Amino acid sequence: MNHIKLIKNKYDHAKALARIKTLMNKNLVPNSKEADELEVLSLLIEHYEQTNFPIEKPDPIDAIKFRMEQLGLLKKDLIPFIGSASKVTEVLNGTRQLSLNMIRKLSDGLDISVEILICMSKSKVAKSAALQKASEHKRSKAA
């Protein structure tokens, strides 16, 4: 690739990926022209992919369940992080929100990002939207 430019479409993206593959298969000398080209292309591809293929953060409950599966944990294994067995069930069913204390313990104990755990779960967002809509409907009838 003689001329490096912004990646603006699928064609540019494919071309940049092919060039990176070629460069990665070479034994590049650090700080060489080709090594610099590889670094710049990597940054351009990263920017294009983040803009055009954003990855959503996982639902906190799904993240907990995924981590449980990875570690081979059962519901009872979450009691030290969440509290009683009933609280664990409520959290995993989406009927109880995670408290700050639970978030801290889950993050430390299961190595789940706090950023993921503090996000409102998709089911909570849907319920919240439905409650708001119902509330607005009641207000419009009363007026």
N, C-alpha and C. Protein backbone atom coordinates (compact mmCIF):
# COMPACT_ATOMS: atom_id res chain seq x y z
N MET A 1 0.86 -1.17 0.00
CA MET A 1 0.00 0.00 0.00
C MET A 1 0.90 1.23 0.00
N ASN A 2 0.96 1.91 -1.10
CA ASN A 2 1.85 3.05 -1.23
C ASN A 2 1.30 4.30 -0.55
N HIS A 3 0.01 4.43 -0.60
CA HIS A 3 -0.61 5.65 -0.08
C HIS A 3 -1.57 5.26 1.05
N ILE A 4 -1.30 5.71 2.26
CA ILE A 4 -2.17 5.41 3.39
C ILE A 4 -3.22 6.49 3.49
N LYS A 5 -4.49 6.07 3.60
CA LYS A 5 -5.59 7.02 3.71
C LYS A 5 -6.62 6.47 4.67
N LEU A 6 -7.57 7.32 5.07
CA LEU A 6 -8.64 6.88 5.95
C LEU A 6 -9.43 5.76 5.30
N ILE A 7 -9.91 4.86 6.12
CA ILE A 7 -10.75 3.76 5.64
C ILE A 7 -12.19 4.24 5.71
N LYS A 8 -12.83 4.33 4.53
CA LYS A 8 -14.17 4.91 4.46
C LYS A 8 -15.26 3.93 4.04
N ASN A 9 -14.87 2.76 3.55
CA ASN A 9 -15.88 1.81 3.08
C ASN A 9 -15.34 0.38 3.17
N LYS A 10 -16.20 -0.57 2.79
CA LYS A 10 -15.83 -1.99 2.88
C LYS A 10 -14.62 -2.32 1.99
N TYR A 11 -14.56 -1.70 0.85
CA TYR A 11 -13.45 -1.95 -0.08
C TYR A 11 -12.13 -1.51 0.55
N ASP A 12 -12.10 -0.29 1.10
CA ASP A 12 -10.88 0.22 1.76
C ASP A 12 -10.50 -0.69 2.93
N HIS A 13 -11.52 -1.14 3.68
CA HIS A 13 -11.30 -2.00 4.84
C HIS A 13 -10.65 -3.32 4.40
N ALA A 14 -11.22 -3.94 3.38
CA ALA A 14 -10.68 -5.21 2.89
C ALA A 14 -9.25 -5.05 2.38
N LYS A 15 -9.01 -3.96 1.69
CA LYS A 15 -7.67 -3.68 1.15
C LYS A 15 -6.65 -3.49 2.29
N ALA A 16 -7.05 -2.76 3.32
CA ALA A 16 -6.17 -2.52 4.47
C ALA A 16 -5.90 -3.83 5.23
N LEU A 17 -6.92 -4.66 5.38
CA LEU A 17 -6.74 -5.95 6.06
C LEU A 17 -5.77 -6.84 5.29
N ALA A 18 -5.90 -6.85 3.97
CA ALA A 18 -5.00 -7.65 3.14
C ALA A 18 -3.56 -7.16 3.29
N ARG A 19 -3.38 -5.84 3.32
CA ARG A 19 -2.04 -5.28 3.46
C ARG A 19 -1.45 -5.61 4.83
N ILE A 20 -2.29 -5.54 5.86
CA ILE A 20 -1.81 -5.89 7.22
C ILE A 20 -1.37 -7.36 7.26
N LYS A 21 -2.15 -8.22 6.62
CA LYS A 21 -1.79 -9.64 6.60
C LYS A 21 -0.42 -9.83 5.95
N THR A 22 -0.20 -9.13 4.85
CA THR A 22 1.09 -9.21 4.15
C THR A 22 2.22 -8.72 5.07
N LEU A 23 2.00 -7.58 5.70
CA LEU A 23 3.03 -7.01 6.58
C LEU A 23 3.32 -7.90 7.78
N MET A 24 2.26 -8.52 8.33
CA MET A 24 2.45 -9.36 9.52
C MET A 24 3.21 -10.64 9.20
N ASN A 25 3.17 -11.06 7.95
CA ASN A 25 3.90 -12.26 7.55
C ASN A 25 5.37 -12.00 7.27
N LYS A 26 5.76 -10.73 7.31
CA LYS A 26 7.16 -10.36 7.10
C LYS A 26 7.86 -10.24 8.46
N ASN A 27 9.15 -10.36 8.44
CA ASN A 27 9.95 -10.18 9.64
C ASN A 27 10.38 -8.71 9.67
N LEU A 28 9.48 -7.84 10.18
CA LEU A 28 9.72 -6.40 10.12
C LEU A 28 10.72 -5.93 11.17
N VAL A 29 11.51 -4.97 10.77
CA VAL A 29 12.47 -4.34 11.66
C VAL A 29 11.73 -3.20 12.38
N PRO A 30 11.82 -3.14 13.71
CA PRO A 30 11.15 -2.06 14.44
C PRO A 30 11.57 -0.69 13.90
N ASN A 31 10.60 0.21 13.85
CA ASN A 31 10.77 1.60 13.38
C ASN A 31 11.11 1.71 11.90
N SER A 32 10.95 0.62 11.17
CA SER A 32 11.15 0.70 9.72
C SER A 32 9.91 1.29 9.07
N LYS A 33 10.01 1.61 7.82
CA LYS A 33 8.88 2.20 7.09
C LYS A 33 7.68 1.23 7.10
N GLU A 34 7.94 -0.06 6.86
CA GLU A 34 6.86 -1.04 6.85
C GLU A 34 6.29 -1.28 8.25
N ALA A 35 7.11 -1.25 9.28
CA ALA A 35 6.61 -1.40 10.65
C ALA A 35 5.71 -0.23 11.02
N ASP A 36 6.10 0.97 10.62
CA ASP A 36 5.27 2.15 10.86
C ASP A 36 3.96 2.05 10.08
N GLU A 37 4.05 1.54 8.85
CA GLU A 37 2.85 1.37 8.03
C GLU A 37 1.88 0.40 8.72
N LEU A 38 2.42 -0.69 9.26
CA LEU A 38 1.61 -1.67 9.96
C LEU A 38 0.90 -1.04 11.15
N GLU A 39 1.62 -0.24 11.91
CA GLU A 39 1.05 0.42 13.09
C GLU A 39 -0.06 1.40 12.69
N VAL A 40 0.19 2.21 11.67
CA VAL A 40 -0.81 3.18 11.23
C VAL A 40 -2.05 2.48 10.67
N LEU A 41 -1.84 1.44 9.86
CA LEU A 41 -2.98 0.69 9.31
C LEU A 41 -3.80 0.04 10.42
N SER A 42 -3.13 -0.47 11.44
CA SER A 42 -3.83 -1.07 12.57
C SER A 42 -4.74 -0.06 13.26
N LEU A 43 -4.24 1.13 13.45
CA LEU A 43 -5.04 2.20 14.07
C LEU A 43 -6.22 2.60 13.19
N LEU A 44 -5.99 2.71 11.89
CA LEU A 44 -7.06 3.07 10.97
C LEU A 44 -8.15 1.99 10.93
N ILE A 45 -7.74 0.73 10.91
CA ILE A 45 -8.70 -0.38 10.92
C ILE A 45 -9.48 -0.39 12.22
N GLU A 46 -8.79 -0.20 13.32
CA GLU A 46 -9.47 -0.17 14.62
C GLU A 46 -10.54 0.93 14.64
N HIS A 47 -10.19 2.10 14.16
CA HIS A 47 -11.15 3.23 14.13
C HIS A 47 -12.35 2.89 13.24
N TYR A 48 -12.10 2.36 12.07
CA TYR A 48 -13.17 2.01 11.14
C TYR A 48 -14.10 0.97 11.77
N GLU A 49 -13.53 -0.07 12.38
CA GLU A 49 -14.33 -1.14 12.94
C GLU A 49 -15.13 -0.68 14.16
N GLN A 50 -14.54 0.17 15.00
CA GLN A 50 -15.28 0.69 16.16
C GLN A 50 -16.44 1.57 15.72
N THR A 51 -16.25 2.29 14.64
CA THR A 51 -17.30 3.17 14.13
C THR A 51 -18.40 2.38 13.42
N ASN A 52 -18.02 1.39 12.64
CA ASN A 52 -18.98 0.67 11.80
C ASN A 52 -19.49 -0.64 12.38
N PHE A 53 -18.79 -1.19 13.33
CA PHE A 53 -19.19 -2.46 13.94
C PHE A 53 -19.07 -2.37 15.47
N PRO A 54 -19.80 -1.43 16.09
CA PRO A 54 -19.66 -1.26 17.54
C PRO A 54 -20.13 -2.51 18.29
N ILE A 55 -19.45 -2.79 19.37
CA ILE A 55 -19.81 -3.94 20.20
C ILE A 55 -20.51 -3.42 21.45
N GLU A 56 -21.74 -3.88 21.64
CA GLU A 56 -22.51 -3.45 22.80
C GLU A 56 -21.98 -4.14 24.05
N LYS A 57 -22.11 -3.43 25.17
CA LYS A 57 -21.73 -4.05 26.44
C LYS A 57 -22.76 -5.13 26.76
N PRO A 58 -22.31 -6.22 27.35
CA PRO A 58 -23.25 -7.29 27.68
C PRO A 58 -24.18 -6.88 28.82
N ASP A 59 -25.31 -7.51 28.86
CA ASP A 59 -26.25 -7.35 29.96
C ASP A 59 -25.56 -7.86 31.23
N PRO A 60 -25.68 -7.14 32.36
CA PRO A 60 -24.97 -7.58 33.57
C PRO A 60 -25.35 -8.98 34.04
N ILE A 61 -26.63 -9.32 33.93
CA ILE A 61 -27.06 -10.66 34.36
C ILE A 61 -26.47 -11.72 33.43
N ASP A 62 -26.47 -11.43 32.13
CA ASP A 62 -25.87 -12.37 31.18
C ASP A 62 -24.37 -12.52 31.45
N ALA A 63 -23.72 -11.43 31.82
CA ALA A 63 -22.29 -11.48 32.13
C ALA A 63 -22.03 -12.36 33.36
N ILE A 64 -22.88 -12.23 34.37
CA ILE A 64 -22.73 -13.06 35.57
C ILE A 64 -22.94 -14.53 35.22
N LYS A 65 -23.99 -14.82 34.46
CA LYS A 65 -24.28 -16.21 34.07
C LYS A 65 -23.15 -16.79 33.22
N PHE A 66 -22.61 -15.97 32.32
CA PHE A 66 -21.50 -16.42 31.48
C PHE A 66 -20.28 -16.76 32.34
N ARG A 67 -20.00 -15.88 33.29
CA ARG A 67 -18.84 -16.10 34.17
C ARG A 67 -19.05 -17.34 35.03
N MET A 68 -20.30 -17.54 35.49
CA MET A 68 -20.61 -18.74 36.26
C MET A 68 -20.32 -20.00 35.44
N GLU A 69 -20.73 -19.96 34.17
CA GLU A 69 -20.51 -21.09 33.28
C GLU A 69 -19.00 -21.32 33.07
N GLN A 70 -18.26 -20.23 32.86
CA GLN A 70 -16.81 -20.34 32.65
C GLN A 70 -16.13 -20.99 33.84
N LEU A 71 -16.56 -20.60 35.04
CA LEU A 71 -15.91 -21.07 36.26
C LEU A 71 -16.56 -22.33 36.84
N GLY A 72 -17.63 -22.79 36.20
CA GLY A 72 -18.33 -23.98 36.70
C GLY A 72 -19.03 -23.73 38.02
N LEU A 73 -19.56 -22.52 38.20
CA LEU A 73 -20.22 -22.17 39.45
C LEU A 73 -21.71 -22.47 39.41
N LEU A 74 -22.25 -22.74 40.58
CA LEU A 74 -23.69 -22.92 40.74
C LEU A 74 -24.26 -21.68 41.43
N LYS A 75 -25.60 -21.59 41.46
CA LYS A 75 -26.24 -20.44 42.11
C LYS A 75 -25.74 -20.28 43.55
N LYS A 76 -25.60 -21.37 44.26
CA LYS A 76 -25.19 -21.30 45.67
C LYS A 76 -23.80 -20.68 45.83
N ASP A 77 -22.97 -20.77 44.77
CA ASP A 77 -21.63 -20.20 44.82
C ASP A 77 -21.64 -18.68 44.78
N LEU A 78 -22.78 -18.10 44.42
CA LEU A 78 -22.89 -16.63 44.36
C LEU A 78 -23.35 -16.02 45.68
N ILE A 79 -23.73 -16.84 46.63
CA ILE A 79 -24.21 -16.33 47.93
C ILE A 79 -23.20 -15.40 48.59
N PRO A 80 -21.90 -15.70 48.60
CA PRO A 80 -20.95 -14.76 49.22
C PRO A 80 -20.90 -13.38 48.55
N PHE A 81 -21.28 -13.33 47.29
CA PHE A 81 -21.22 -12.08 46.55
C PHE A 81 -22.54 -11.31 46.58
N ILE A 82 -23.66 -12.04 46.63
CA ILE A 82 -24.97 -11.41 46.50
C ILE A 82 -25.76 -11.42 47.81
N GLY A 83 -25.61 -12.46 48.60
CA GLY A 83 -26.36 -12.55 49.85
C GLY A 83 -27.02 -13.91 49.94
N SER A 84 -28.25 -13.94 50.31
CA SER A 84 -28.98 -15.20 50.49
C SER A 84 -29.27 -15.88 49.15
N ALA A 85 -29.67 -17.15 49.26
CA ALA A 85 -30.02 -17.92 48.06
C ALA A 85 -31.18 -17.27 47.32
N SER A 86 -32.14 -16.72 48.08
CA SER A 86 -33.30 -16.09 47.44
C SER A 86 -32.87 -14.82 46.69
N LYS A 87 -31.92 -14.07 47.24
CA LYS A 87 -31.42 -12.88 46.55
C LYS A 87 -30.70 -13.27 45.26
N VAL A 88 -29.93 -14.35 45.31
CA VAL A 88 -29.23 -14.83 44.12
C VAL A 88 -30.25 -15.16 43.03
N THR A 89 -31.31 -15.88 43.40
CA THR A 89 -32.35 -16.24 42.44
C THR A 89 -33.02 -15.00 41.87
N GLU A 90 -33.34 -14.04 42.73
CA GLU A 90 -33.99 -12.81 42.27
C GLU A 90 -33.09 -12.03 41.31
N VAL A 91 -31.81 -11.94 41.63
CA VAL A 91 -30.87 -11.22 40.75
C VAL A 91 -30.78 -11.92 39.40
N LEU A 92 -30.60 -13.24 39.42
CA LEU A 92 -30.45 -13.98 38.17
C LEU A 92 -31.73 -14.01 37.34
N ASN A 93 -32.88 -13.86 38.00
CA ASN A 93 -34.16 -13.79 37.28
C ASN A 93 -34.48 -12.37 36.82
N GLY A 94 -33.69 -11.41 37.27
CA GLY A 94 -33.90 -10.03 36.86
C GLY A 94 -34.95 -9.29 37.65
N THR A 95 -35.37 -9.85 38.80
CA THR A 95 -36.39 -9.18 39.61
C THR A 95 -35.78 -8.35 40.73
N ARG A 96 -34.48 -8.47 40.93
CA ARG A 96 -33.78 -7.66 41.93
C ARG A 96 -32.58 -7.01 41.26
N GLN A 97 -32.43 -5.70 41.49
CA GLN A 97 -31.28 -5.00 40.95
C GLN A 97 -30.05 -5.29 41.80
N LEU A 98 -28.91 -5.18 41.17
CA LEU A 98 -27.65 -5.33 41.90
C LEU A 98 -27.41 -4.09 42.74
N SER A 99 -27.03 -4.28 43.99
CA SER A 99 -26.67 -3.15 44.85
C SER A 99 -25.19 -2.83 44.61
N LEU A 100 -24.77 -1.68 45.10
CA LEU A 100 -23.36 -1.32 44.96
C LEU A 100 -22.46 -2.34 45.66
N ASN A 101 -22.89 -2.82 46.80
CA ASN A 101 -22.11 -3.81 47.53
C ASN A 101 -21.99 -5.11 46.72
N MET A 102 -23.10 -5.54 46.12
CA MET A 102 -23.06 -6.75 45.29
C MET A 102 -22.12 -6.55 44.10
N ILE A 103 -22.21 -5.37 43.48
CA ILE A 103 -21.38 -5.07 42.31
C ILE A 103 -19.90 -5.15 42.68
N ARG A 104 -19.55 -4.54 43.82
CA ARG A 104 -18.15 -4.59 44.27
C ARG A 104 -17.68 -6.02 44.48
N LYS A 105 -18.50 -6.80 45.19
CA LYS A 105 -18.12 -8.18 45.50
C LYS A 105 -18.03 -9.04 44.24
N LEU A 106 -18.99 -8.88 43.32
CA LEU A 106 -18.97 -9.65 42.08
C LEU A 106 -17.76 -9.27 41.23
N SER A 107 -17.48 -7.99 41.18
CA SER A 107 -16.33 -7.53 40.39
C SER A 107 -15.03 -8.09 40.94
N ASP A 108 -14.87 -7.99 42.25
CA ASP A 108 -13.64 -8.49 42.88
C ASP A 108 -13.55 -10.02 42.82
N GLY A 109 -14.65 -10.69 43.14
CA GLY A 109 -14.64 -12.14 43.25
C GLY A 109 -14.68 -12.89 41.93
N LEU A 110 -15.43 -12.35 40.96
CA LEU A 110 -15.58 -13.05 39.69
C LEU A 110 -14.85 -12.37 38.54
N ASP A 111 -14.19 -11.26 38.86
CA ASP A 111 -13.42 -10.51 37.87
C ASP A 111 -14.29 -10.09 36.68
N ILE A 112 -15.46 -9.51 37.02
CA ILE A 112 -16.34 -8.93 36.01
C ILE A 112 -16.21 -7.43 36.14
N SER A 113 -16.05 -6.75 35.04
CA SER A 113 -15.88 -5.30 35.04
C SER A 113 -17.04 -4.60 35.73
N VAL A 114 -16.72 -3.65 36.60
CA VAL A 114 -17.74 -2.84 37.27
C VAL A 114 -18.58 -2.12 36.22
N GLU A 115 -17.93 -1.68 35.16
CA GLU A 115 -18.63 -0.96 34.08
C GLU A 115 -19.76 -1.81 33.50
N ILE A 116 -19.54 -3.09 33.38
CA ILE A 116 -20.58 -3.99 32.86
C ILE A 116 -21.67 -4.20 33.91
N LEU A 117 -21.28 -4.38 35.16
CA LEU A 117 -22.25 -4.67 36.21
C LEU A 117 -23.17 -3.50 36.54
N ILE A 118 -22.70 -2.26 36.32
CA ILE A 118 -23.55 -1.12 36.66
C ILE A 118 -24.55 -0.77 35.56
N CYS A 119 -24.38 -1.35 34.37
CA CYS A 119 -25.33 -1.09 33.28
C CYS A 119 -26.68 -1.70 33.64
N MET A 120 -27.73 -1.00 33.26
CA MET A 120 -29.07 -1.52 33.50
C MET A 120 -29.30 -2.68 32.54
N SER A 121 -29.83 -3.76 33.07
CA SER A 121 -30.07 -4.92 32.22
C SER A 121 -31.14 -4.61 31.18
N LYS A 122 -31.09 -5.34 30.07
CA LYS A 122 -32.04 -5.12 28.98
C LYS A 122 -33.47 -5.33 29.44
N SER A 123 -33.69 -6.32 30.31
CA SER A 123 -35.05 -6.56 30.80
C SER A 123 -35.51 -5.39 31.66
N LYS A 124 -34.59 -4.81 32.44
CA LYS A 124 -34.95 -3.64 33.27
C LYS A 124 -35.26 -2.44 32.39
N VAL A 125 -34.51 -2.27 31.31
CA VAL A 125 -34.75 -1.16 30.40
C VAL A 125 -36.13 -1.32 29.77
N ALA A 126 -36.48 -2.54 29.34
CA ALA A 126 -37.78 -2.80 28.73
C ALA A 126 -38.90 -2.56 29.74
N LYS A 127 -38.72 -3.06 30.98
CA LYS A 127 -39.74 -2.86 32.02
C LYS A 127 -39.90 -1.38 32.34
N SER A 128 -38.77 -0.69 32.44
CA SER A 128 -38.79 0.74 32.75
C SER A 128 -39.52 1.52 31.66
N ALA A 129 -39.27 1.18 30.41
CA ALA A 129 -39.93 1.85 29.29
C ALA A 129 -41.42 1.56 29.31
N ALA A 130 -41.81 0.33 29.62
CA ALA A 130 -43.22 -0.04 29.67
C ALA A 130 -43.93 0.69 30.82
N LEU A 131 -43.27 0.79 31.97
CA LEU A 131 -43.86 1.51 33.11
C LEU A 131 -44.02 2.98 32.79
N GLN A 132 -43.03 3.57 32.14
CA GLN A 132 -43.10 4.98 31.78
C GLN A 132 -44.24 5.22 30.79
N LYS A 133 -44.40 4.33 29.83
CA LYS A 133 -45.45 4.46 28.84
C LYS A 133 -46.83 4.34 29.50
N ALA A 134 -46.97 3.39 30.43
CA ALA A 134 -48.23 3.21 31.15
C ALA A 134 -48.55 4.44 31.99
N SER A 135 -47.54 5.00 32.62
CA SER A 135 -47.71 6.19 33.45
C SER A 135 -48.16 7.38 32.59
N GLU A 136 -47.55 7.53 31.43
CA GLU A 136 -47.92 8.62 30.52
C GLU A 136 -49.34 8.43 30.02
N HIS A 137 -49.73 7.18 29.76
CA HIS A 137 -51.07 6.88 29.28
C HIS A 137 -52.11 7.24 30.35
N LYS A 138 -51.81 6.91 31.62
CA LYS A 138 -52.72 7.25 32.73
C LYS A 138 -52.87 8.76 32.85
N ARG A 139 -51.76 9.48 32.73
CA ARG A 139 -51.80 10.95 32.84
C ARG A 139 -52.62 11.57 31.72
N SER A 140 -52.49 11.03 30.52
CA SER A 140 -53.23 11.60 29.38
C SER A 140 -54.72 11.32 29.52
N LYS A 141 -55.12 10.19 30.13
CA LYS A 141 -56.52 9.89 30.36
C LYS A 141 -57.10 10.79 31.44
N ALA A 142 -56.28 11.08 32.45
CA ALA A 142 -56.74 11.91 33.57
C ALA A 142 -56.93 13.37 33.14
N ALA A 143 -56.20 13.80 32.14
CA ALA A 143 -56.26 15.21 31.70
C ALA A 143 -57.44 15.51 30.83
